[in-house]
Amino acid sequence: MPRVPTNNRNAEAAVQAFINDLTSKGWGLNEAWLAISRQLMTCEIWDELRKTWVQYYNQPVLRERNDYKLLANGSPNQALQESTLVGDYIAQKLNIPRQNLCNELGIFMKALSIQPNNPRGHSFRSIIAELLARYGDPQITVQEEVNPYILLPGNQFNLRSKNPRIDIVAYRNDLPVALCSTRWAYRHDRVDLLEEARAYMSAAKQINPNIHFFGITAEMNPARLKKVVAQTLPLEPSADVDYLVHLHAPLATTVVNHNGDLVHLLDLVDWVSSSHNW
């Protein structure tokens, strides 16, 4: 079933750009991460002083800019090496020359020409909601930015925001079956999706004991990913989060030679496919 649209004009425009990419290239669920990357991932960083995008090592910027450095001998540090590997991989999947990659990334974000953090976050949320509605179980209804005080009445939620919203809620026959927190990236010291899971799940299970909670991200810092994965059901039986879902799990694991606990990352394709079991 179609998702319920939002009032965020930039997010809705990003969804349309995503859909146009899928249609023009004949892509489906397996390639959807490429369409998301083309619209939201950049090789550039935002220069707030000059209000413009500027190149940054000519590689995909997937972590905080300060993570990327050249060593004293001029060689790239590990984060920059990993970014290069990711760029090689994406260029191969797009079937384009490697030197053309940066022109193929961040198409929607760079066209906005505004500070990217909030627009990218809202766009990522809405694209994920559209992806679930488009390729998930057709019996599920998808809604964004749901007021938890309406969904879970009679509860108080101790969160940083005075007006919290649940990024995505999936319903089956009007019963909520999954709550989702989407984060393009997140801080190591303030992982909102874990805080939201702790705040919402005890109340949500009173409505549906089998309800799920998923974190969905494009984060690439392995320490940050491991911090969340360690607190998901595959590793922690009492966890409030079922899985941490990644835009494209190989980007954070095999492509950059990280495995270990990160093998428990759930790929976006597998997450959408699992909606039939919610």
C-alpha atoms as a PDB file:
ATOM      1  CA  MET A   1       0.000   0.000   0.000  1.00  0.00           C
ATOM      2  CA  PRO A   2       1.257   3.544  -0.639  1.00  0.00           C
ATOM      3  CA  ARG A   3       2.865   5.472   2.154  1.00  0.00           C
ATOM      4  CA  VAL A   4       1.160   8.481   3.692  1.00  0.00           C
ATOM      5  CA  PRO A   5       2.980  11.575   2.271  1.00  0.00           C
ATOM      6  CA  THR A   6       4.596  14.156   4.528  1.00  0.00           C
ATOM      7  CA  ASN A   7       4.361  17.945   4.560  1.00  0.00           C
ATOM      8  CA  ASN A   8       8.121  18.273   4.082  1.00  0.00           C
ATOM      9  CA  ARG A   9       8.556  19.582   0.538  1.00  0.00           C
ATOM     10  CA  ASN A  10      12.258  18.765   0.280  1.00  0.00           C
ATOM     11  CA  ALA A  11      11.711  15.214   1.498  1.00  0.00           C
ATOM     12  CA  GLU A  12       8.894  14.667  -0.971  1.00  0.00           C
ATOM     13  CA  ALA A  13      11.060  16.065  -3.770  1.00  0.00           C
ATOM     14  CA  ALA A  14      13.828  13.645  -2.768  1.00  0.00           C
ATOM     15  CA  VAL A  15      11.377  10.756  -2.926  1.00  0.00           C
ATOM     16  CA  GLN A  16      10.374  11.779  -6.441  1.00  0.00           C
ATOM     17  CA  ALA A  17      14.022  12.002  -7.500  1.00  0.00           C
ATOM     18  CA  PHE A  18      14.549   8.518  -6.043  1.00  0.00           C
ATOM     19  CA  ILE A  19      11.525   7.147  -7.917  1.00  0.00           C
ATOM     20  CA  ASN A  20      12.679   8.786 -11.146  1.00  0.00           C
ATOM     21  CA  ASP A  21      16.069   7.093 -10.760  1.00  0.00           C
ATOM     22  CA  LEU A  22      14.473   3.695 -10.262  1.00  0.00           C
ATOM     23  CA  THR A  23      12.216   4.173 -13.272  1.00  0.00           C
ATOM     24  CA  SER A  24      14.773   5.613 -15.682  1.00  0.00           C
ATOM     25  CA  LYS A  25      17.379   2.955 -14.899  1.00  0.00           C
ATOM     26  CA  GLY A  26      15.018   0.019 -14.577  1.00  0.00           C
ATOM     27  CA  TRP A  27      16.160  -0.594 -11.009  1.00  0.00           C
ATOM     28  CA  GLY A  28      14.272  -2.507  -8.339  1.00  0.00           C
ATOM     29  CA  LEU A  29      14.713  -3.317  -4.668  1.00  0.00           C
ATOM     30  CA  ASN A  30      18.210  -4.762  -5.086  1.00  0.00           C
ATOM     31  CA  GLU A  31      19.478  -1.555  -6.698  1.00  0.00           C
ATOM     32  CA  ALA A  32      17.529   0.909  -4.548  1.00  0.00           C
ATOM     33  CA  TRP A  33      20.593   1.671  -2.401  1.00  0.00           C
ATOM     34  CA  LEU A  34      22.326   2.960  -5.524  1.00  0.00           C
ATOM     35  CA  ALA A  35      19.467   5.363  -6.208  1.00  0.00           C
ATOM     36  CA  ILE A  36      19.620   6.558  -2.585  1.00  0.00           C
ATOM     37  CA  SER A  37      23.377   7.023  -2.877  1.00  0.00           C
ATOM     38  CA  ARG A  38      23.025   8.954  -6.121  1.00  0.00           C
ATOM     39  CA  GLN A  39      20.625  11.386  -4.478  1.00  0.00           C
ATOM     40  CA  LEU A  40      22.006  11.750  -0.929  1.00  0.00           C
ATOM     41  CA  MET A  41      25.681  10.700  -0.798  1.00  0.00           C
ATOM     42  CA  THR A  42      28.328  13.273  -1.750  1.00  0.00           C
ATOM     43  CA  CYS A  43      32.041  13.584  -2.341  1.00  0.00           C
ATOM     44  CA  GLU A  44      31.728  17.208  -1.251  1.00  0.00           C
ATOM     45  CA  ILE A  45      31.299  18.867   2.136  1.00  0.00           C
ATOM     46  CA  TRP A  46      29.150  21.895   2.867  1.00  0.00           C
ATOM     47  CA  ASP A  47      30.987  25.169   3.423  1.00  0.00           C
ATOM     48  CA  GLU A  48      28.651  27.104   5.713  1.00  0.00           C
ATOM     49  CA  LEU A  49      30.615  30.334   5.395  1.00  0.00           C
ATOM     50  CA  ARG A  50      30.417  30.432   1.611  1.00  0.00           C
ATOM     51  CA  LYS A  51      27.071  28.592   1.449  1.00  0.00           C
ATOM     52  CA  THR A  52      28.316  26.135  -1.127  1.00  0.00           C
ATOM     53  CA  TRP A  53      29.603  22.584  -1.623  1.00  0.00           C
ATOM     54  CA  VAL A  54      33.356  22.066  -1.868  1.00  0.00           C
ATOM     55  CA  GLN A  55      35.375  19.001  -2.861  1.00  0.00           C
ATOM     56  CA  TYR A  56      36.948  16.950  -0.064  1.00  0.00           C
ATOM     57  CA  TYR A  57      39.651  14.491  -1.161  1.00  0.00           C
ATOM     58  CA  ASN A  58      37.474  13.599  -4.185  1.00  0.00           C
ATOM     59  CA  GLN A  59      36.092  10.545  -2.356  1.00  0.00           C
ATOM     60  CA  PRO A  60      32.638   9.774  -0.886  1.00  0.00           C
ATOM     61  CA  VAL A  61      32.226  11.552   2.463  1.00  0.00           C
ATOM     62  CA  LEU A  62      30.609   8.921   4.650  1.00  0.00           C
ATOM     63  CA  ARG A  63      31.929   9.898   8.063  1.00  0.00           C
ATOM     64  CA  GLU A  64      32.664  13.141   9.889  1.00  0.00           C
ATOM     65  CA  ARG A  65      35.022  15.246   7.826  1.00  0.00           C
ATOM     66  CA  ASN A  66      37.686  15.225  10.555  1.00  0.00           C
ATOM     67  CA  ASP A  67      37.948  11.447  10.225  1.00  0.00           C
ATOM     68  CA  TYR A  68      39.603  11.865   6.835  1.00  0.00           C
ATOM     69  CA  LYS A  69      43.270  12.855   6.873  1.00  0.00           C
ATOM     70  CA  LEU A  70      46.533  12.515   5.028  1.00  0.00           C
ATOM     71  CA  LEU A  71      49.353  11.048   7.086  1.00  0.00           C
ATOM     72  CA  ALA A  72      52.700  12.778   7.505  1.00  0.00           C
ATOM     73  CA  ASN A  73      54.063  10.905   4.495  1.00  0.00           C
ATOM     74  CA  GLY A  74      51.139  12.110   2.355  1.00  0.00           C
ATOM     75  CA  SER A  75      49.333   8.762   2.219  1.00  0.00           C
ATOM     76  CA  PRO A  76      45.636   8.480   3.130  1.00  0.00           C
ATOM     77  CA  ASN A  77      44.668   7.354   6.624  1.00  0.00           C
ATOM     78  CA  GLN A  78      42.466   4.295   7.140  1.00  0.00           C
ATOM     79  CA  ALA A  79      39.163   6.178   6.919  1.00  0.00           C
ATOM     80  CA  LEU A  80      40.193   7.758   3.636  1.00  0.00           C
ATOM     81  CA  GLN A  81      41.409   4.424   2.288  1.00  0.00           C
ATOM     82  CA  GLU A  82      38.039   2.898   3.162  1.00  0.00           C
ATOM     83  CA  SER A  83      36.230   5.772   1.480  1.00  0.00           C
ATOM     84  CA  THR A  84      38.275   5.089  -1.660  1.00  0.00           C
ATOM     85  CA  LEU A  85      37.269   1.423  -1.569  1.00  0.00           C
ATOM     86  CA  VAL A  86      33.623   2.396  -1.207  1.00  0.00           C
ATOM     87  CA  GLY A  87      33.940   4.773  -4.156  1.00  0.00           C
ATOM     88  CA  ASP A  88      35.517   2.044  -6.277  1.00  0.00           C
ATOM     89  CA  TYR A  89      32.685  -0.317  -5.380  1.00  0.00           C
ATOM     90  CA  ILE A  90      29.898   2.156  -6.129  1.00  0.00           C
ATOM     91  CA  ALA A  91      31.442   3.155  -9.458  1.00  0.00           C
ATOM     92  CA  GLN A  92      31.623  -0.520 -10.408  1.00  0.00           C
ATOM     93  CA  LYS A  93      27.971  -1.071  -9.456  1.00  0.00           C
ATOM     94  CA  LEU A  94      26.928   2.036 -11.410  1.00  0.00           C
ATOM     95  CA  ASN A  95      29.029   0.808 -14.335  1.00  0.00           C
ATOM     96  CA  ILE A  96      30.713   4.191 -14.755  1.00  0.00           C
ATOM     97  CA  PRO A  97      34.362   5.294 -14.963  1.00  0.00           C
ATOM     98  CA  ARG A  98      35.771   5.841 -11.477  1.00  0.00           C
ATOM     99  CA  GLN A  99      36.753   9.414 -12.296  1.00  0.00           C
ATOM    100  CA  ASN A 100      33.096  10.239 -13.011  1.00  0.00           C
ATOM    101  CA  LEU A 101      31.788   8.995  -9.656  1.00  0.00           C
ATOM    102  CA  CYS A 102      31.638  12.284  -7.764  1.00  0.00           C
ATOM    103  CA  ASN A 103      29.486  13.805 -10.502  1.00  0.00           C
ATOM    104  CA  GLU A 104      27.032  10.922 -10.063  1.00  0.00           C
ATOM    105  CA  LEU A 105      26.625  11.298  -6.293  1.00  0.00           C
ATOM    106  CA  GLY A 106      24.563  13.759  -4.271  1.00  0.00           C
ATOM    107  CA  ILE A 107      22.445  14.903  -7.196  1.00  0.00           C
ATOM    108  CA  PHE A 108      19.482  15.927  -5.056  1.00  0.00           C
ATOM    109  CA  MET A 109      21.478  17.223  -2.101  1.00  0.00           C
ATOM    110  CA  LYS A 110      23.766  19.431  -4.178  1.00  0.00           C
ATOM    111  CA  ALA A 111      20.830  20.876  -6.117  1.00  0.00           C
ATOM    112  CA  LEU A 112      19.295  22.147  -2.856  1.00  0.00           C
ATOM    113  CA  SER A 113      22.336  24.329  -2.116  1.00  0.00           C
ATOM    114  CA  ILE A 114      21.468  24.565   1.588  1.00  0.00           C
ATOM    115  CA  GLN A 115      22.964  23.233   4.828  1.00  0.00           C
ATOM    116  CA  PRO A 116      22.519  19.475   4.292  1.00  0.00           C
ATOM    117  CA  ASN A 117      22.097  17.816   7.690  1.00  0.00           C
ATOM    118  CA  ASN A 118      18.353  18.216   8.263  1.00  0.00           C
ATOM    119  CA  PRO A 119      17.308  17.941   4.589  1.00  0.00           C
ATOM    120  CA  ARG A 120      19.395  14.789   4.168  1.00  0.00           C
ATOM    121  CA  GLY A 121      17.906  13.252   7.321  1.00  0.00           C
ATOM    122  CA  HIS A 122      14.316  14.009   6.316  1.00  0.00           C
ATOM    123  CA  SER A 123      14.933  12.843   2.757  1.00  0.00           C
ATOM    124  CA  PHE A 124      16.510   9.589   3.928  1.00  0.00           C
ATOM    125  CA  ARG A 125      13.508   8.912   6.168  1.00  0.00           C
ATOM    126  CA  SER A 126      10.968   9.542   3.427  1.00  0.00           C
ATOM    127  CA  ILE A 127      12.866   7.523   0.830  1.00  0.00           C
ATOM    128  CA  ILE A 128      13.101   4.580   3.239  1.00  0.00           C
ATOM    129  CA  ALA A 129       9.351   4.862   3.891  1.00  0.00           C
ATOM    130  CA  GLU A 130       8.690   4.913   0.141  1.00  0.00           C
ATOM    131  CA  LEU A 131      10.978   1.924  -0.360  1.00  0.00           C
ATOM    132  CA  LEU A 132       9.102  -0.081   2.260  1.00  0.00           C
ATOM    133  CA  ALA A 133       5.714   0.871   0.823  1.00  0.00           C
ATOM    134  CA  ARG A 134       6.839   0.078  -2.718  1.00  0.00           C
ATOM    135  CA  TYR A 135       8.597  -3.256  -2.177  1.00  0.00           C
ATOM    136  CA  GLY A 136       7.444  -4.477   1.229  1.00  0.00           C
ATOM    137  CA  ASP A 137       4.378  -6.486   2.171  1.00  0.00           C
ATOM    138  CA  PRO A 138       1.449  -4.852   0.289  1.00  0.00           C
ATOM    139  CA  GLN A 139      -0.751  -5.407   3.348  1.00  0.00           C
ATOM    140  CA  ILE A 140       1.344  -2.928   5.342  1.00  0.00           C
ATOM    141  CA  THR A 141       0.569   0.795   5.558  1.00  0.00           C
ATOM    142  CA  VAL A 142       3.533   3.132   6.073  1.00  0.00           C
ATOM    143  CA  GLN A 143       3.312   6.445   7.929  1.00  0.00           C
ATOM    144  CA  GLU A 144       6.038   8.948   8.797  1.00  0.00           C
ATOM    145  CA  GLU A 145       6.652  11.355  11.673  1.00  0.00           C
ATOM    146  CA  VAL A 146       4.071   9.747  13.931  1.00  0.00           C
ATOM    147  CA  ASN A 147       3.216  11.461  17.212  1.00  0.00           C
ATOM    148  CA  PRO A 148       4.046   8.892  19.940  1.00  0.00           C
ATOM    149  CA  TYR A 149       1.557  10.475  22.346  1.00  0.00           C
ATOM    150  CA  ILE A 150      -1.237   9.688  19.897  1.00  0.00           C
ATOM    151  CA  LEU A 151       0.067   6.263  18.896  1.00  0.00           C
ATOM    152  CA  LEU A 152       0.858   5.256  22.490  1.00  0.00           C
ATOM    153  CA  PRO A 153      -1.551   7.293  24.645  1.00  0.00           C
ATOM    154  CA  GLY A 154      -1.144   7.625  28.386  1.00  0.00           C
ATOM    155  CA  ASN A 155       2.656   7.447  28.352  1.00  0.00           C
ATOM    156  CA  GLN A 156       5.466   9.900  28.974  1.00  0.00           C
ATOM    157  CA  PHE A 157       8.649   9.721  26.926  1.00  0.00           C
ATOM    158  CA  ASN A 158      11.897  11.109  28.315  1.00  0.00           C
ATOM    159  CA  LEU A 159      13.543  12.235  25.090  1.00  0.00           C
ATOM    160  CA  ARG A 160      15.583  15.286  24.133  1.00  0.00           C
ATOM    161  CA  SER A 161      12.926  16.635  21.803  1.00  0.00           C
ATOM    162  CA  LYS A 162       9.930  18.395  23.328  1.00  0.00           C
ATOM    163  CA  ASN A 163       7.852  17.272  20.348  1.00  0.00           C
ATOM    164  CA  PRO A 164       9.147  13.803  19.517  1.00  0.00           C
ATOM    165  CA  ARG A 165       8.079  11.933  16.424  1.00  0.00           C
ATOM    166  CA  ILE A 166       8.568   8.310  15.419  1.00  0.00           C
ATOM    167  CA  ASP A 167      10.247   8.400  12.014  1.00  0.00           C
ATOM    168  CA  ILE A 168       8.340   5.504  10.443  1.00  0.00           C
ATOM    169  CA  VAL A 169       5.514   3.319  11.704  1.00  0.00           C
ATOM    170  CA  ALA A 170       4.298   0.278   9.772  1.00  0.00           C
ATOM    171  CA  TYR A 171       0.732  -0.909  10.384  1.00  0.00           C
ATOM    172  CA  ARG A 172      -1.042  -4.143   9.554  1.00  0.00           C
ATOM    173  CA  ASN A 173      -4.827  -3.935   9.827  1.00  0.00           C
ATOM    174  CA  ASP A 174      -4.409  -0.646  11.742  1.00  0.00           C
ATOM    175  CA  LEU A 175      -2.184  -2.365  14.318  1.00  0.00           C
ATOM    176  CA  PRO A 176       1.379  -1.000  14.571  1.00  0.00           C
ATOM    177  CA  VAL A 177       3.802  -3.820  13.788  1.00  0.00           C
ATOM    178  CA  ALA A 178       7.115  -1.954  13.422  1.00  0.00           C
ATOM    179  CA  LEU A 179       8.638   1.302  14.649  1.00  0.00           C
ATOM    180  CA  CYS A 180      11.655   2.624  12.768  1.00  0.00           C
ATOM    181  CA  SER A 181      14.249   5.251  13.597  1.00  0.00           C
ATOM    182  CA  THR A 182      16.171   6.466  10.544  1.00  0.00           C
ATOM    183  CA  ARG A 183      19.566   8.148  10.792  1.00  0.00           C
ATOM    184  CA  TRP A 184      21.791   8.836   7.798  1.00  0.00           C
ATOM    185  CA  ALA A 185      24.568   9.029  10.397  1.00  0.00           C
ATOM    186  CA  TYR A 186      24.694   9.366  14.175  1.00  0.00           C
ATOM    187  CA  ARG A 187      27.019  10.524  16.922  1.00  0.00           C
ATOM    188  CA  HIS A 188      28.931   8.074  19.094  1.00  0.00           C
ATOM    189  CA  ASP A 189      27.929   9.809  22.332  1.00  0.00           C
ATOM    190  CA  ARG A 190      24.269  10.393  21.458  1.00  0.00           C
ATOM    191  CA  VAL A 191      22.622   7.511  19.658  1.00  0.00           C
ATOM    192  CA  ASP A 192      19.038   8.694  19.317  1.00  0.00           C
ATOM    193  CA  LEU A 193      17.732   5.463  17.867  1.00  0.00           C
ATOM    194  CA  LEU A 194      18.741   3.551  21.008  1.00  0.00           C
ATOM    195  CA  GLU A 195      17.142   6.194  23.225  1.00  0.00           C
ATOM    196  CA  GLU A 196      13.958   6.062  21.172  1.00  0.00           C
ATOM    197  CA  ALA A 197      13.794   2.266  21.347  1.00  0.00           C
ATOM    198  CA  ARG A 198      14.121   2.343  25.137  1.00  0.00           C
ATOM    199  CA  ALA A 199      11.494   5.069  25.386  1.00  0.00           C
ATOM    200  CA  TYR A 200       8.873   3.541  23.103  1.00  0.00           C
ATOM    201  CA  MET A 201       9.083  -0.220  23.168  1.00  0.00           C
ATOM    202  CA  SER A 202       7.656  -1.015  26.592  1.00  0.00           C
ATOM    203  CA  ALA A 203       4.574   1.069  25.774  1.00  0.00           C
ATOM    204  CA  ALA A 204       4.369  -0.275  22.219  1.00  0.00           C
ATOM    205  CA  LYS A 205       4.418  -3.883  23.443  1.00  0.00           C
ATOM    206  CA  GLN A 206       1.294  -3.187  25.473  1.00  0.00           C
ATOM    207  CA  ILE A 207      -0.489  -2.587  22.164  1.00  0.00           C
ATOM    208  CA  ASN A 208       1.257  -5.342  20.219  1.00  0.00           C
ATOM    209  CA  PRO A 209       3.544  -7.761  22.115  1.00  0.00           C
ATOM    210  CA  ASN A 210       5.157  -8.778  18.804  1.00  0.00           C
ATOM    211  CA  ILE A 211       5.987  -5.283  17.591  1.00  0.00           C
ATOM    212  CA  HIS A 212       9.463  -4.685  16.137  1.00  0.00           C
ATOM    213  CA  PHE A 213      11.909  -1.798  16.389  1.00  0.00           C
ATOM    214  CA  PHE A 214      14.483  -1.141  13.677  1.00  0.00           C
ATOM    215  CA  GLY A 215      17.266   1.397  13.375  1.00  0.00           C
ATOM    216  CA  ILE A 216      18.063   2.281   9.756  1.00  0.00           C
ATOM    217  CA  THR A 217      21.281   4.038   8.813  1.00  0.00           C
ATOM    218  CA  ALA A 218      23.997   4.777   6.267  1.00  0.00           C
ATOM    219  CA  GLU A 219      26.592   5.258   9.037  1.00  0.00           C
ATOM    220  CA  MET A 220      30.061   3.993   8.106  1.00  0.00           C
ATOM    221  CA  ASN A 221      32.099   4.448  11.295  1.00  0.00           C
ATOM    222  CA  PRO A 222      32.676   0.848  12.491  1.00  0.00           C
ATOM    223  CA  ALA A 223      32.885   1.805  16.174  1.00  0.00           C
ATOM    224  CA  ARG A 224      29.529   3.567  15.992  1.00  0.00           C
ATOM    225  CA  LEU A 225      27.940   0.690  14.121  1.00  0.00           C
ATOM    226  CA  LYS A 226      29.272  -1.864  16.612  1.00  0.00           C
ATOM    227  CA  LYS A 227      27.951   0.191  19.534  1.00  0.00           C
ATOM    228  CA  VAL A 228      24.402  -0.172  18.220  1.00  0.00           C
ATOM    229  CA  VAL A 229      24.689  -3.704  16.813  1.00  0.00           C
ATOM    230  CA  ALA A 230      25.849  -4.904  20.239  1.00  0.00           C
ATOM    231  CA  GLN A 231      22.497  -3.721  21.608  1.00  0.00           C
ATOM    232  CA  THR A 232      20.276  -5.522  19.091  1.00  0.00           C
ATOM    233  CA  LEU A 233      18.479  -8.828  19.413  1.00  0.00           C
ATOM    234  CA  PRO A 234      20.993 -10.895  17.442  1.00  0.00           C
ATOM    235  CA  LEU A 235      23.548 -10.228  20.215  1.00  0.00           C
ATOM    236  CA  GLU A 236      21.506  -9.031  23.211  1.00  0.00           C
ATOM    237  CA  PRO A 237      18.420 -11.160  23.993  1.00  0.00           C
ATOM    238  CA  SER A 238      16.723  -8.410  26.017  1.00  0.00           C
ATOM    239  CA  ALA A 239      17.420  -5.632  23.501  1.00  0.00           C
ATOM    240  CA  ASP A 240      14.713  -3.176  22.469  1.00  0.00           C
ATOM    241  CA  VAL A 241      16.096  -2.979  18.900  1.00  0.00           C
ATOM    242  CA  ASP A 242      15.559  -5.970  16.631  1.00  0.00           C
ATOM    243  CA  TYR A 243      18.192  -5.061  14.051  1.00  0.00           C
ATOM    244  CA  LEU A 244      20.326  -2.207  12.863  1.00  0.00           C
ATOM    245  CA  VAL A 245      19.556  -1.985   9.143  1.00  0.00           C
ATOM    246  CA  HIS A 246      22.198  -0.603   6.783  1.00  0.00           C
ATOM    247  CA  LEU A 247      21.719   1.178   3.471  1.00  0.00           C
ATOM    248  CA  HIS A 248      23.902  -1.514   1.901  1.00  0.00           C
ATOM    249  CA  ALA A 249      25.580  -3.786   4.431  1.00  0.00           C
ATOM    250  CA  PRO A 250      28.585  -4.687   2.216  1.00  0.00           C
ATOM    251  CA  LEU A 251      29.648  -1.019   2.247  1.00  0.00           C
ATOM    252  CA  ALA A 252      30.264  -1.241   5.990  1.00  0.00           C
ATOM    253  CA  THR A 253      31.594  -4.809   6.042  1.00  0.00           C
ATOM    254  CA  THR A 254      33.179  -6.720   3.176  1.00  0.00           C
ATOM    255  CA  VAL A 255      33.956  -3.729   0.938  1.00  0.00           C
ATOM    256  CA  VAL A 256      36.105  -2.109   3.650  1.00  0.00           C
ATOM    257  CA  ASN A 257      37.280  -5.385   5.209  1.00  0.00           C
ATOM    258  CA  HIS A 258      35.218  -5.104   8.399  1.00  0.00           C
ATOM    259  CA  ASN A 259      33.282  -8.064   9.729  1.00  0.00           C
ATOM    260  CA  GLY A 260      33.252  -9.337  13.298  1.00  0.00           C
ATOM    261  CA  ASP A 261      30.090  -8.176  15.039  1.00  0.00           C
ATOM    262  CA  LEU A 262      29.117  -6.210  11.934  1.00  0.00           C
ATOM    263  CA  VAL A 263      28.008  -9.442  10.283  1.00  0.00           C
ATOM    264  CA  HIS A 264      24.837  -8.849  12.313  1.00  0.00           C
ATOM    265  CA  LEU A 265      23.996  -5.714  10.337  1.00  0.00           C
ATOM    266  CA  LEU A 266      20.798  -6.313   8.390  1.00  0.00           C
ATOM    267  CA  ASP A 267      20.886  -5.244   4.762  1.00  0.00           C
ATOM    268  CA  LEU A 268      18.141  -2.913   3.540  1.00  0.00           C
ATOM    269  CA  VAL A 269      16.955  -5.475   0.985  1.00  0.00           C
ATOM    270  CA  ASP A 270      16.576  -8.168   3.641  1.00  0.00           C
ATOM    271  CA  TRP A 271      14.764  -5.745   5.956  1.00  0.00           C
ATOM    272  CA  VAL A 272      12.173  -4.846   3.328  1.00  0.00           C
ATOM    273  CA  SER A 273      11.716  -8.527   2.466  1.00  0.00           C
ATOM    274  CA  SER A 274      11.209  -9.373   6.146  1.00  0.00           C
ATOM    275  CA  SER A 275       8.119  -7.106   6.323  1.00  0.00           C
ATOM    276  CA  HIS A 276       5.965 -10.079   5.313  1.00  0.00           C
ATOM    277  CA  ASN A 277       6.733 -11.547   8.755  1.00  0.00           C
ATOM    278  CA  TRP A 278       5.833  -8.487  10.812  1.00  0.00           C
END
